[in-house]
All heavy atoms as atom14 arrays in JSON, in Angstrom:
{
  "sequence": "VKGKSFPNFCPTGPVIRTLDDIEDHNNLNMWLDVNGKRCQTGNTGTM",
  "atom14_mask": [
    [1, 1, 1, 1, 1, 1, 1, 0, 0, 0, 0, 0, 0, 0],
    [1, 1, 1, 1, 1, 1, 1, 1, 1, 0, 0, 0, 0, 0],
    [1, 1, 1, 1, 0, 0, 0, 0, 0, 0, 0, 0, 0, 0],
    [1, 1, 1, 1, 1, 1, 1, 1, 1, 0, 0, 0, 0, 0],
    [1, 1, 1, 1, 1, 1, 0, 0, 0, 0, 0, 0, 0, 0],
    [1, 1, 1, 1, 1, 1, 1, 1, 1, 1, 1, 0, 0, 0],
    [1, 1, 1, 1, 1, 1, 1, 0, 0, 0, 0, 0, 0, 0],
    [1, 1, 1, 1, 1, 1, 1, 1, 0, 0, 0, 0, 0, 0],
    [1, 1, 1, 1, 1, 1, 1, 1, 1, 1, 1, 0, 0, 0],
    [1, 1, 1, 1, 1, 1, 0, 0, 0, 0, 0, 0, 0, 0],
    [1, 1, 1, 1, 1, 1, 1, 0, 0, 0, 0, 0, 0, 0],
    [1, 1, 1, 1, 1, 1, 1, 0, 0, 0, 0, 0, 0, 0],
    [1, 1, 1, 1, 0, 0, 0, 0, 0, 0, 0, 0, 0, 0],
    [1, 1, 1, 1, 1, 1, 1, 0, 0, 0, 0, 0, 0, 0],
    [1, 1, 1, 1, 1, 1, 1, 0, 0, 0, 0, 0, 0, 0],
    [1, 1, 1, 1, 1, 1, 1, 1, 0, 0, 0, 0, 0, 0],
    [1, 1, 1, 1, 1, 1, 1, 1, 1, 1, 1, 0, 0, 0],
    [1, 1, 1, 1, 1, 1, 1, 0, 0, 0, 0, 0, 0, 0],
    [1, 1, 1, 1, 1, 1, 1, 1, 0, 0, 0, 0, 0, 0],
    [1, 1, 1, 1, 1, 1, 1, 1, 0, 0, 0, 0, 0, 0],
    [1, 1, 1, 1, 1, 1, 1, 1, 0, 0, 0, 0, 0, 0],
    [1, 1, 1, 1, 1, 1, 1, 1, 0, 0, 0, 0, 0, 0],
    [1, 1, 1, 1, 1, 1, 1, 1, 1, 0, 0, 0, 0, 0],
    [1, 1, 1, 1, 1, 1, 1, 1, 0, 0, 0, 0, 0, 0],
    [1, 1, 1, 1, 1, 1, 1, 1, 1, 1, 0, 0, 0, 0],
    [1, 1, 1, 1, 1, 1, 1, 1, 0, 0, 0, 0, 0, 0],
    [1, 1, 1, 1, 1, 1, 1, 1, 0, 0, 0, 0, 0, 0],
    [1, 1, 1, 1, 1, 1, 1, 1, 0, 0, 0, 0, 0, 0],
    [1, 1, 1, 1, 1, 1, 1, 1, 0, 0, 0, 0, 0, 0],
    [1, 1, 1, 1, 1, 1, 1, 1, 0, 0, 0, 0, 0, 0],
    [1, 1, 1, 1, 1, 1, 1, 1, 1, 1, 1, 1, 1, 1],
    [1, 1, 1, 1, 1, 1, 1, 1, 0, 0, 0, 0, 0, 0],
    [1, 1, 1, 1, 1, 1, 1, 1, 0, 0, 0, 0, 0, 0],
    [1, 1, 1, 1, 1, 1, 1, 0, 0, 0, 0, 0, 0, 0],
    [1, 1, 1, 1, 1, 1, 1, 1, 0, 0, 0, 0, 0, 0],
    [1, 1, 1, 1, 0, 0, 0, 0, 0, 0, 0, 0, 0, 0],
    [1, 1, 1, 1, 1, 1, 1, 1, 1, 0, 0, 0, 0, 0],
    [1, 1, 1, 1, 1, 1, 1, 1, 1, 1, 1, 0, 0, 0],
    [1, 1, 1, 1, 1, 1, 0, 0, 0, 0, 0, 0, 0, 0],
    [1, 1, 1, 1, 1, 1, 1, 1, 1, 0, 0, 0, 0, 0],
    [1, 1, 1, 1, 1, 1, 1, 0, 0, 0, 0, 0, 0, 0],
    [1, 1, 1, 1, 0, 0, 0, 0, 0, 0, 0, 0, 0, 0],
    [1, 1, 1, 1, 1, 1, 1, 1, 0, 0, 0, 0, 0, 0],
    [1, 1, 1, 1, 1, 1, 1, 0, 0, 0, 0, 0, 0, 0],
    [1, 1, 1, 1, 0, 0, 0, 0, 0, 0, 0, 0, 0, 0],
    [1, 1, 1, 1, 1, 1, 1, 0, 0, 0, 0, 0, 0, 0],
    [1, 1, 1, 1, 1, 1, 1, 1, 0, 0, 0, 0, 0, 0]
  ],
  "atom14_positions": [
    [[-29.62, -6.11, -13.0], [-28.67, -7.21, -13.21], [-28.1, -7.2, -14.62], [-26.96, -7.61, -14.85], [-29.36, -8.57, -12.89], [-30.49, -8.85, -13.84], [-28.34, -9.7, -12.91], [0.0, 0.0, 0.0], [0.0, 0.0, 0.0], [0.0, 0.0, 0.0], [0.0, 0.0, 0.0], [0.0, 0.0, 0.0], [0.0, 0.0, 0.0], [0.0, 0.0, 0.0]],
    [[-28.86, -6.68, -15.57], [-28.42, -6.65, -16.97], [-27.14, -5.83, -17.14], [-26.27, -6.18, -17.94], [-29.54, -6.08, -17.85], [-29.24, -6.12, -19.34], [-30.41, -5.53, -20.12], [-31.66, -6.34, -19.98], [-32.79, -5.79, -20.78], [0.0, 0.0, 0.0], [0.0, 0.0, 0.0], [0.0, 0.0, 0.0], [0.0, 0.0, 0.0], [0.0, 0.0, 0.0]],
    [[-27.03, -4.73, -16.39], [-25.86, -3.87, -16.5], [-24.74, -4.2, -15.54], [-23.75, -3.47, -15.46], [0.0, 0.0, 0.0], [0.0, 0.0, 0.0], [0.0, 0.0, 0.0], [0.0, 0.0, 0.0], [0.0, 0.0, 0.0], [0.0, 0.0, 0.0], [0.0, 0.0, 0.0], [0.0, 0.0, 0.0], [0.0, 0.0, 0.0], [0.0, 0.0, 0.0]],
    [[-24.9, -5.32, -14.82], [-23.95, -5.66, -13.76], [-23.24, -6.99, -13.97], [-22.42, -7.37, -13.14], [-24.7, -5.72, -12.42], [-25.37, -4.42, -11.99], [-24.36, -3.45, -11.4], [-25.03, -2.23, -10.81], [-24.06, -1.37, -10.08], [0.0, 0.0, 0.0], [0.0, 0.0, 0.0], [0.0, 0.0, 0.0], [0.0, 0.0, 0.0], [0.0, 0.0, 0.0]],
    [[-23.55, -7.71, -15.06], [-23.23, -9.13, -15.1], [-22.25, -9.56, -16.18], [-22.1, -10.75, -16.45], [-24.53, -9.94, -15.22], [-25.28, -9.83, -14.04], [0.0, 0.0, 0.0], [0.0, 0.0, 0.0], [0.0, 0.0, 0.0], [0.0, 0.0, 0.0], [0.0, 0.0, 0.0], [0.0, 0.0, 0.0], [0.0, 0.0, 0.0], [0.0, 0.0, 0.0]],
    [[-21.56, -8.62, -16.82], [-20.58, -9.0, -17.84], [-19.36, -9.63, -17.15], [-19.04, -9.31, -16.01], [-20.15, -7.76, -18.63], [-19.63, -8.05, -20.01], [-20.5, -8.42, -21.03], [-18.28, -7.95, -20.3], [-20.03, -8.68, -22.3], [-17.81, -8.21, -21.58], [-18.68, -8.58, -22.59], [0.0, 0.0, 0.0], [0.0, 0.0, 0.0], [0.0, 0.0, 0.0]],
    [[-18.66, -10.56, -17.83], [-17.45, -11.15, -17.23], [-16.47, -10.07, -16.73], [-16.3, -9.04, -17.37], [-16.85, -11.97, -18.37], [-18.03, -12.34, -19.21], [-18.95, -11.14, -19.16], [0.0, 0.0, 0.0], [0.0, 0.0, 0.0], [0.0, 0.0, 0.0], [0.0, 0.0, 0.0], [0.0, 0.0, 0.0], [0.0, 0.0, 0.0], [0.0, 0.0, 0.0]],
    [[-15.86, -10.34, -15.58], [-14.87, -9.47, -14.94], [-15.48, -8.17, -14.41], [-14.75, -7.22, -14.16], [-13.7, -9.17, -15.86], [-12.73, -10.33, -15.99], [-13.14, -11.49, -15.91], [-11.47, -10.05, -16.2], [0.0, 0.0, 0.0], [0.0, 0.0, 0.0], [0.0, 0.0, 0.0], [0.0, 0.0, 0.0], [0.0, 0.0, 0.0], [0.0, 0.0, 0.0]],
    [[-16.78, -8.15, -14.19], [-17.44, -6.97, -13.62], [-17.43, -7.0, -12.09], [-18.09, -6.16, -11.46], [-18.89, -6.87, -14.11], [-19.07, -5.99, -15.33], [-18.02, -5.74, -16.21], [-20.29, -5.4, -15.6], [-18.19, -4.93, -17.32], [-20.48, -4.57, -16.71], [-19.43, -4.34, -17.57], [0.0, 0.0, 0.0], [0.0, 0.0, 0.0], [0.0, 0.0, 0.0]],
    [[-16.66, -7.93, -11.47], [-16.62, -7.98, -10.01], [-15.21, -8.3, -9.51], [-14.99, -9.34, -8.87], [-17.62, -9.0, -9.49], [-17.89, -8.93, -7.7], [0.0, 0.0, 0.0], [0.0, 0.0, 0.0], [0.0, 0.0, 0.0], [0.0, 0.0, 0.0], [0.0, 0.0, 0.0], [0.0, 0.0, 0.0], [0.0, 0.0, 0.0], [0.0, 0.0, 0.0]],
    [[-14.22, -7.44, -9.78], [-12.9, -7.66, -9.18], [-13.0, -7.67, -7.66], [-13.59, -6.77, -7.06], [-12.09, -6.46, -9.68], [-12.79, -5.99, -10.92], [-14.25, -6.25, -10.64], [0.0, 0.0, 0.0], [0.0, 0.0, 0.0], [0.0, 0.0, 0.0], [0.0, 0.0, 0.0], [0.0, 0.0, 0.0], [0.0, 0.0, 0.0], [0.0, 0.0, 0.0]],
    [[-12.43, -8.71, -7.03], [-12.6, -8.92, -5.6], [-11.25, -9.24, -4.95], [-10.5, -10.06, -5.45], [-13.59, -10.08, -5.35], [-14.84, -9.77, -5.98], [-13.81, -10.29, -3.86], [0.0, 0.0, 0.0], [0.0, 0.0, 0.0], [0.0, 0.0, 0.0], [0.0, 0.0, 0.0], [0.0, 0.0, 0.0], [0.0, 0.0, 0.0], [0.0, 0.0, 0.0]],
    [[-10.97, -8.6, -3.83], [-9.73, -8.85, -3.1], [-8.89, -7.59, -2.99], [-9.36, -6.49, -3.29], [0.0, 0.0, 0.0], [0.0, 0.0, 0.0], [0.0, 0.0, 0.0], [0.0, 0.0, 0.0], [0.0, 0.0, 0.0], [0.0, 0.0, 0.0], [0.0, 0.0, 0.0], [0.0, 0.0, 0.0], [0.0, 0.0, 0.0], [0.0, 0.0, 0.0]],
    [[-7.65, -7.71, -2.53], [-6.85, -8.93, -2.48], [-7.09, -9.87, -1.3], [-6.76, -11.05, -1.39], [-5.42, -8.37, -2.42], [-5.57, -7.07, -1.71], [-6.87, -6.5, -2.19], [0.0, 0.0, 0.0], [0.0, 0.0, 0.0], [0.0, 0.0, 0.0], [0.0, 0.0, 0.0], [0.0, 0.0, 0.0], [0.0, 0.0, 0.0], [0.0, 0.0, 0.0]],
    [[-7.63, -9.35, -0.17], [-7.75, -10.18, 1.02], [-9.19, -10.18, 1.53], [-9.96, -9.25, 1.28], [-6.82, -9.69, 2.16], [-5.36, -9.75, 1.74], [-7.21, -8.29, 2.65], [0.0, 0.0, 0.0], [0.0, 0.0, 0.0], [0.0, 0.0, 0.0], [0.0, 0.0, 0.0], [0.0, 0.0, 0.0], [0.0, 0.0, 0.0], [0.0, 0.0, 0.0]],
    [[-9.54, -11.25, 2.22], [-10.69, -11.25, 3.13], [-10.13, -11.07, 4.52], [-9.29, -11.85, 4.96], [-11.49, -12.56, 3.06], [-12.06, -12.8, 1.66], [-12.63, -12.54, 4.1], [-12.62, -14.19, 1.48], [0.0, 0.0, 0.0], [0.0, 0.0, 0.0], [0.0, 0.0, 0.0], [0.0, 0.0, 0.0], [0.0, 0.0, 0.0], [0.0, 0.0, 0.0]],
    [[-10.59, -10.04, 5.21], [-10.1, -9.78, 6.57], [-11.23, -10.05, 7.55], [-12.34, -9.5, 7.4], [-9.61, -8.35, 6.69], [-8.81, -8.08, 7.95], [-8.01, -6.8, 7.84], [-7.01, -6.71, 8.88], [-5.93, -5.95, 8.81], [-5.7, -5.2, 7.73], [-5.06, -5.93, 9.8], [0.0, 0.0, 0.0], [0.0, 0.0, 0.0], [0.0, 0.0, 0.0]],
    [[-10.98, -10.87, 8.56], [-12.01, -11.21, 9.52], [-12.36, -10.0, 10.39], [-11.52, -9.12, 10.62], [-11.59, -12.39, 10.4], [-10.32, -12.1, 11.03], [-11.44, -13.66, 9.57], [0.0, 0.0, 0.0], [0.0, 0.0, 0.0], [0.0, 0.0, 0.0], [0.0, 0.0, 0.0], [0.0, 0.0, 0.0], [0.0, 0.0, 0.0], [0.0, 0.0, 0.0]],
    [[-13.61, -9.98, 10.86], [-14.1, -8.81, 11.6], [-13.3, -8.55, 12.87], [-13.12, -7.4, 13.27], [-15.57, -9.0, 11.94], [-16.56, -8.9, 10.76], [-17.96, -9.24, 11.23], [-16.53, -7.52, 10.14], [0.0, 0.0, 0.0], [0.0, 0.0, 0.0], [0.0, 0.0, 0.0], [0.0, 0.0, 0.0], [0.0, 0.0, 0.0], [0.0, 0.0, 0.0]],
    [[-12.81, -9.63, 13.52], [-12.06, -9.43, 14.76], [-10.71, -8.78, 14.52], [-10.03, -8.37, 15.47], [-11.9, -10.75, 15.51], [-11.12, -11.79, 14.72], [-10.81, -11.54, 13.54], [-10.82, -12.86, 15.28], [0.0, 0.0, 0.0], [0.0, 0.0, 0.0], [0.0, 0.0, 0.0], [0.0, 0.0, 0.0], [0.0, 0.0, 0.0], [0.0, 0.0, 0.0]],
    [[-10.31, -8.66, 13.25], [-9.03, -8.05, 12.89], [-9.22, -6.62, 12.37], [-8.27, -6.02, 11.87], [-8.34, -8.92, 11.84], [-6.85, -8.67, 11.74], [-6.24, -8.34, 12.77], [-6.29, -8.79, 10.63], [0.0, 0.0, 0.0], [0.0, 0.0, 0.0], [0.0, 0.0, 0.0], [0.0, 0.0, 0.0], [0.0, 0.0, 0.0], [0.0, 0.0, 0.0]],
    [[-10.46, -6.11, 12.43], [-10.78, -4.76, 11.96], [-11.28, -3.95, 13.15], [-12.25, -4.34, 13.81], [-11.84, -4.8, 10.85], [-11.33, -5.6, 9.64], [-12.23, -3.38, 10.41], [-12.38, -5.85, 8.58], [0.0, 0.0, 0.0], [0.0, 0.0, 0.0], [0.0, 0.0, 0.0], [0.0, 0.0, 0.0], [0.0, 0.0, 0.0], [0.0, 0.0, 0.0]],
    [[-10.65, -2.83, 13.41], [-10.98, -2.05, 14.6], [-12.42, -1.55, 14.56], [-13.16, -1.67, 15.54], [-10.01, -0.88, 14.74], [-10.23, -0.06, 16.01], [-9.19, 1.03, 16.21], [-8.18, 1.02, 15.47], [-9.39, 1.88, 17.1], [0.0, 0.0, 0.0], [0.0, 0.0, 0.0], [0.0, 0.0, 0.0], [0.0, 0.0, 0.0], [0.0, 0.0, 0.0]],
    [[-12.83, -0.97, 13.44], [-14.2, -0.44, 13.33], [-14.62, -0.47, 11.86], [-14.26, 0.4, 11.08], [-14.26, 0.99, 13.88], [-15.67, 1.58, 13.84], [-16.6, 0.85, 13.46], [-15.82, 2.78, 14.19], [0.0, 0.0, 0.0], [0.0, 0.0, 0.0], [0.0, 0.0, 0.0], [0.0, 0.0, 0.0], [0.0, 0.0, 0.0], [0.0, 0.0, 0.0]],
    [[-15.4, -1.49, 11.49], [-15.78, -1.61, 10.09], [-16.81, -0.55, 9.67], [-17.12, -0.42, 8.49], [-16.3, -3.02, 9.76], [-17.54, -3.4, 10.5], [-17.53, -4.07, 11.7], [-18.85, -3.22, 10.18], [-18.76, -4.3, 12.1], [-19.59, -3.79, 11.19], [0.0, 0.0, 0.0], [0.0, 0.0, 0.0], [0.0, 0.0, 0.0], [0.0, 0.0, 0.0]],
    [[-17.32, 0.21, 10.64], [-18.23, 1.31, 10.33], [-17.49, 2.64, 10.14], [-18.13, 3.69, 10.05], [-19.28, 1.45, 11.43], [-20.22, 0.27, 11.48], [-20.75, -0.15, 10.46], [-20.42, -0.28, 12.68], [0.0, 0.0, 0.0], [0.0, 0.0, 0.0], [0.0, 0.0, 0.0], [0.0, 0.0, 0.0], [0.0, 0.0, 0.0], [0.0, 0.0, 0.0]],
    [[-16.16, 2.58, 10.07], [-15.36, 3.79, 9.87], [-14.13, 3.47, 9.03], [-13.0, 3.6, 9.49], [-14.97, 4.4, 11.22], [-14.23, 5.71, 11.08], [-14.38, 6.44, 10.09], [-13.4, 6.03, 12.06], [0.0, 0.0, 0.0], [0.0, 0.0, 0.0], [0.0, 0.0, 0.0], [0.0, 0.0, 0.0], [0.0, 0.0, 0.0], [0.0, 0.0, 0.0]],
    [[-14.36, 3.03, 7.81], [-13.28, 2.69, 6.89], [-13.28, 3.66, 5.71], [-14.3, 3.83, 5.05], [-13.44, 1.26, 6.37], [-13.45, 0.14, 7.42], [-13.71, -1.21, 6.74], [-12.14, 0.11, 8.19], [0.0, 0.0, 0.0], [0.0, 0.0, 0.0], [0.0, 0.0, 0.0], [0.0, 0.0, 0.0], [0.0, 0.0, 0.0], [0.0, 0.0, 0.0]],
    [[-12.14, 4.27, 5.45], [-12.02, 5.17, 4.31], [-11.96, 4.37, 3.02], [-11.36, 3.3, 2.95], [-10.79, 6.05, 4.44], [-10.9, 7.04, 5.58], [-11.92, 7.69, 5.74], [-9.86, 7.15, 6.39], [0.0, 0.0, 0.0], [0.0, 0.0, 0.0], [0.0, 0.0, 0.0], [0.0, 0.0, 0.0], [0.0, 0.0, 0.0], [0.0, 0.0, 0.0]],
    [[-12.58, 4.92, 1.96], [-12.65, 4.29, 0.65], [-12.24, 5.3, -0.41], [-12.51, 6.49, -0.27], [-14.09, 3.82, 0.35], [-14.77, 3.11, 1.49], [-16.57, 2.95, 1.26], [-16.65, 1.81, -0.12], [0.0, 0.0, 0.0], [0.0, 0.0, 0.0], [0.0, 0.0, 0.0], [0.0, 0.0, 0.0], [0.0, 0.0, 0.0], [0.0, 0.0, 0.0]],
    [[-11.62, 4.83, -1.5], [-11.22, 5.75, -2.56], [-11.11, 5.0, -3.88], [-10.96, 3.77, -3.91], [-9.88, 6.41, -2.23], [-8.76, 5.43, -2.01], [-8.4, 4.84, -0.82], [-7.88, 4.88, -3.0], [-7.35, 3.96, -1.02], [-7.01, 3.97, -2.33], [-7.73, 5.07, -4.38], [-6.01, 3.26, -3.01], [-6.74, 4.36, -5.05], [-5.89, 3.47, -4.36]],
    [[-11.2, 5.75, -4.97], [-11.01, 5.18, -6.31], [-10.47, 6.27, -7.23], [-10.97, 7.4, -7.25], [-12.31, 4.61, -6.85], [-12.23, 3.93, -8.23], [-13.18, 2.72, -8.31], [-12.56, 4.91, -9.37], [0.0, 0.0, 0.0], [0.0, 0.0, 0.0], [0.0, 0.0, 0.0], [0.0, 0.0, 0.0], [0.0, 0.0, 0.0], [0.0, 0.0, 0.0]],
    [[-9.43, 5.92, -8.01], [-8.82, 6.82, -8.98], [-9.0, 6.26, -10.39], [-8.96, 5.03, -10.59], [-7.3, 6.95, -8.75], [-6.95, 7.6, -7.42], [-7.84, 8.18, -6.78], [-5.77, 7.51, -7.03], [0.0, 0.0, 0.0], [0.0, 0.0, 0.0], [0.0, 0.0, 0.0], [0.0, 0.0, 0.0], [0.0, 0.0, 0.0], [0.0, 0.0, 0.0]],
    [[-9.21, 7.15, -11.35], [-9.22, 6.77, -12.76], [-8.11, 7.56, -13.45], [-8.09, 8.79, -13.4], [-10.58, 7.08, -13.42], [-10.54, 6.73, -14.91], [-11.7, 6.31, -12.73], [0.0, 0.0, 0.0], [0.0, 0.0, 0.0], [0.0, 0.0, 0.0], [0.0, 0.0, 0.0], [0.0, 0.0, 0.0], [0.0, 0.0, 0.0], [0.0, 0.0, 0.0]],
    [[-7.17, 6.83, -14.03], [-6.01, 7.44, -14.7], [-5.3, 8.44, -13.78], [-4.88, 9.53, -14.19], [-6.44, 8.13, -16.0], [-7.0, 7.15, -17.01], [-6.56, 6.0, -17.08], [-7.98, 7.57, -17.78], [0.0, 0.0, 0.0], [0.0, 0.0, 0.0], [0.0, 0.0, 0.0], [0.0, 0.0, 0.0], [0.0, 0.0, 0.0], [0.0, 0.0, 0.0]],
    [[-5.16, 8.05, -12.51], [-4.44, 8.86, -11.55], [-5.21, 10.01, -10.94], [-4.69, 10.72, -10.08], [0.0, 0.0, 0.0], [0.0, 0.0, 0.0], [0.0, 0.0, 0.0], [0.0, 0.0, 0.0], [0.0, 0.0, 0.0], [0.0, 0.0, 0.0], [0.0, 0.0, 0.0], [0.0, 0.0, 0.0], [0.0, 0.0, 0.0], [0.0, 0.0, 0.0]],
    [[-6.46, 10.19, -11.33], [-7.29, 11.28, -10.8], [-8.28, 10.72, -9.79], [-9.01, 9.78, -10.08], [-8.04, 11.98, -11.93], [-8.97, 13.1, -11.46], [-9.73, 13.72, -12.63], [-10.7, 14.79, -12.15], [-11.48, 15.38, -13.28], [0.0, 0.0, 0.0], [0.0, 0.0, 0.0], [0.0, 0.0, 0.0], [0.0, 0.0, 0.0], [0.0, 0.0, 0.0]],
    [[-8.3, 11.31, -8.59], [-9.22, 10.86, -7.56], [-10.66, 11.16, -7.96], [-11.03, 12.3, -8.19], [-8.88, 11.54, -6.23], [-9.7, 11.14, -5.02], [-9.62, 9.64, -4.7], [-8.3, 9.07, -4.7], [-7.48, 8.99, -3.65], [-7.89, 9.46, -2.48], [-6.29, 8.41, -3.76], [0.0, 0.0, 0.0], [0.0, 0.0, 0.0], [0.0, 0.0, 0.0]],
    [[-11.49, 10.12, -8.04], [-12.9, 10.26, -8.4], [-13.82, 10.0, -7.22], [-14.8, 10.7, -7.01], [-13.24, 9.31, -9.55], [-12.45, 9.7, -11.11], [0.0, 0.0, 0.0], [0.0, 0.0, 0.0], [0.0, 0.0, 0.0], [0.0, 0.0, 0.0], [0.0, 0.0, 0.0], [0.0, 0.0, 0.0], [0.0, 0.0, 0.0], [0.0, 0.0, 0.0]],
    [[-13.51, 8.96, -6.45], [-14.35, 8.61, -5.3], [-13.57, 8.73, -4.01], [-12.44, 8.24, -3.89], [-14.88, 7.18, -5.44], [-15.94, 7.01, -6.52], [-16.61, 5.65, -6.45], [-16.12, 4.7, -7.02], [-17.73, 5.57, -5.74], [0.0, 0.0, 0.0], [0.0, 0.0, 0.0], [0.0, 0.0, 0.0], [0.0, 0.0, 0.0], [0.0, 0.0, 0.0]],
    [[-14.18, 9.37, -3.04], [-13.68, 9.44, -1.67], [-14.87, 9.25, -0.75], [-15.87, 9.96, -0.88], [-13.02, 10.8, -1.37], [-11.94, 11.02, -2.29], [-12.46, 10.82, 0.04], [0.0, 0.0, 0.0], [0.0, 0.0, 0.0], [0.0, 0.0, 0.0], [0.0, 0.0, 0.0], [0.0, 0.0, 0.0], [0.0, 0.0, 0.0], [0.0, 0.0, 0.0]],
    [[-14.78, 8.29, 0.14], [-15.91, 8.03, 1.01], [-15.5, 7.31, 2.27], [-14.32, 7.06, 2.52], [0.0, 0.0, 0.0], [0.0, 0.0, 0.0], [0.0, 0.0, 0.0], [0.0, 0.0, 0.0], [0.0, 0.0, 0.0], [0.0, 0.0, 0.0], [0.0, 0.0, 0.0], [0.0, 0.0, 0.0], [0.0, 0.0, 0.0], [0.0, 0.0, 0.0]],
    [[-16.49, 6.97, 3.08], [-16.26, 6.27, 4.34], [-17.48, 5.41, 4.63], [-18.62, 5.83, 4.38], [-16.02, 7.29, 5.46], [-15.64, 6.63, 6.78], [-16.48, 6.08, 7.48], [-14.36, 6.68, 7.11], [0.0, 0.0, 0.0], [0.0, 0.0, 0.0], [0.0, 0.0, 0.0], [0.0, 0.0, 0.0], [0.0, 0.0, 0.0], [0.0, 0.0, 0.0]],
    [[-17.23, 4.22, 5.15], [-18.34, 3.33, 5.44], [-19.29, 3.9, 6.49], [-20.41, 3.4, 6.66], [-17.84, 1.95, 5.9], [-16.99, 2.12, 7.05], [-17.05, 1.27, 4.79], [0.0, 0.0, 0.0], [0.0, 0.0, 0.0], [0.0, 0.0, 0.0], [0.0, 0.0, 0.0], [0.0, 0.0, 0.0], [0.0, 0.0, 0.0], [0.0, 0.0, 0.0]],
    [[-18.87, 4.96, 7.17], [-19.74, 5.61, 8.14], [-20.96, 6.27, 7.53], [-21.92, 6.59, 8.24], [0.0, 0.0, 0.0], [0.0, 0.0, 0.0], [0.0, 0.0, 0.0], [0.0, 0.0, 0.0], [0.0, 0.0, 0.0], [0.0, 0.0, 0.0], [0.0, 0.0, 0.0], [0.0, 0.0, 0.0], [0.0, 0.0, 0.0], [0.0, 0.0, 0.0]],
    [[-20.94, 6.5, 6.2], [-22.12, 7.1, 5.56], [-23.02, 6.04, 4.91], [-23.96, 6.4, 4.19], [-21.71, 8.15, 4.5], [-21.02, 7.51, 3.42], [-20.83, 9.22, 5.1], [0.0, 0.0, 0.0], [0.0, 0.0, 0.0], [0.0, 0.0, 0.0], [0.0, 0.0, 0.0], [0.0, 0.0, 0.0], [0.0, 0.0, 0.0], [0.0, 0.0, 0.0]],
    [[-22.75, 4.76, 5.18], [-23.66, 3.73, 4.72], [-25.01, 3.89, 5.41], [-25.08, 4.1, 6.61], [-23.09, 2.33, 5.0], [-21.9, 1.96, 4.11], [-21.07, 0.42, 4.6], [-22.38, -0.78, 4.38], [0.0, 0.0, 0.0], [0.0, 0.0, 0.0], [0.0, 0.0, 0.0], [0.0, 0.0, 0.0], [0.0, 0.0, 0.0], [0.0, 0.0, 0.0]]
  ]
}
């Protein structure tokens, strides 16, 4: 918790989407770029 709790360490959103509006929440692609370079690529299927 010590390394997780500084202000603005939890950007959240833009939307909350209800489960009935998501076809398969166990198969959602995820990604993150830093300065335009792709760093993270994943899928909720590997949870």
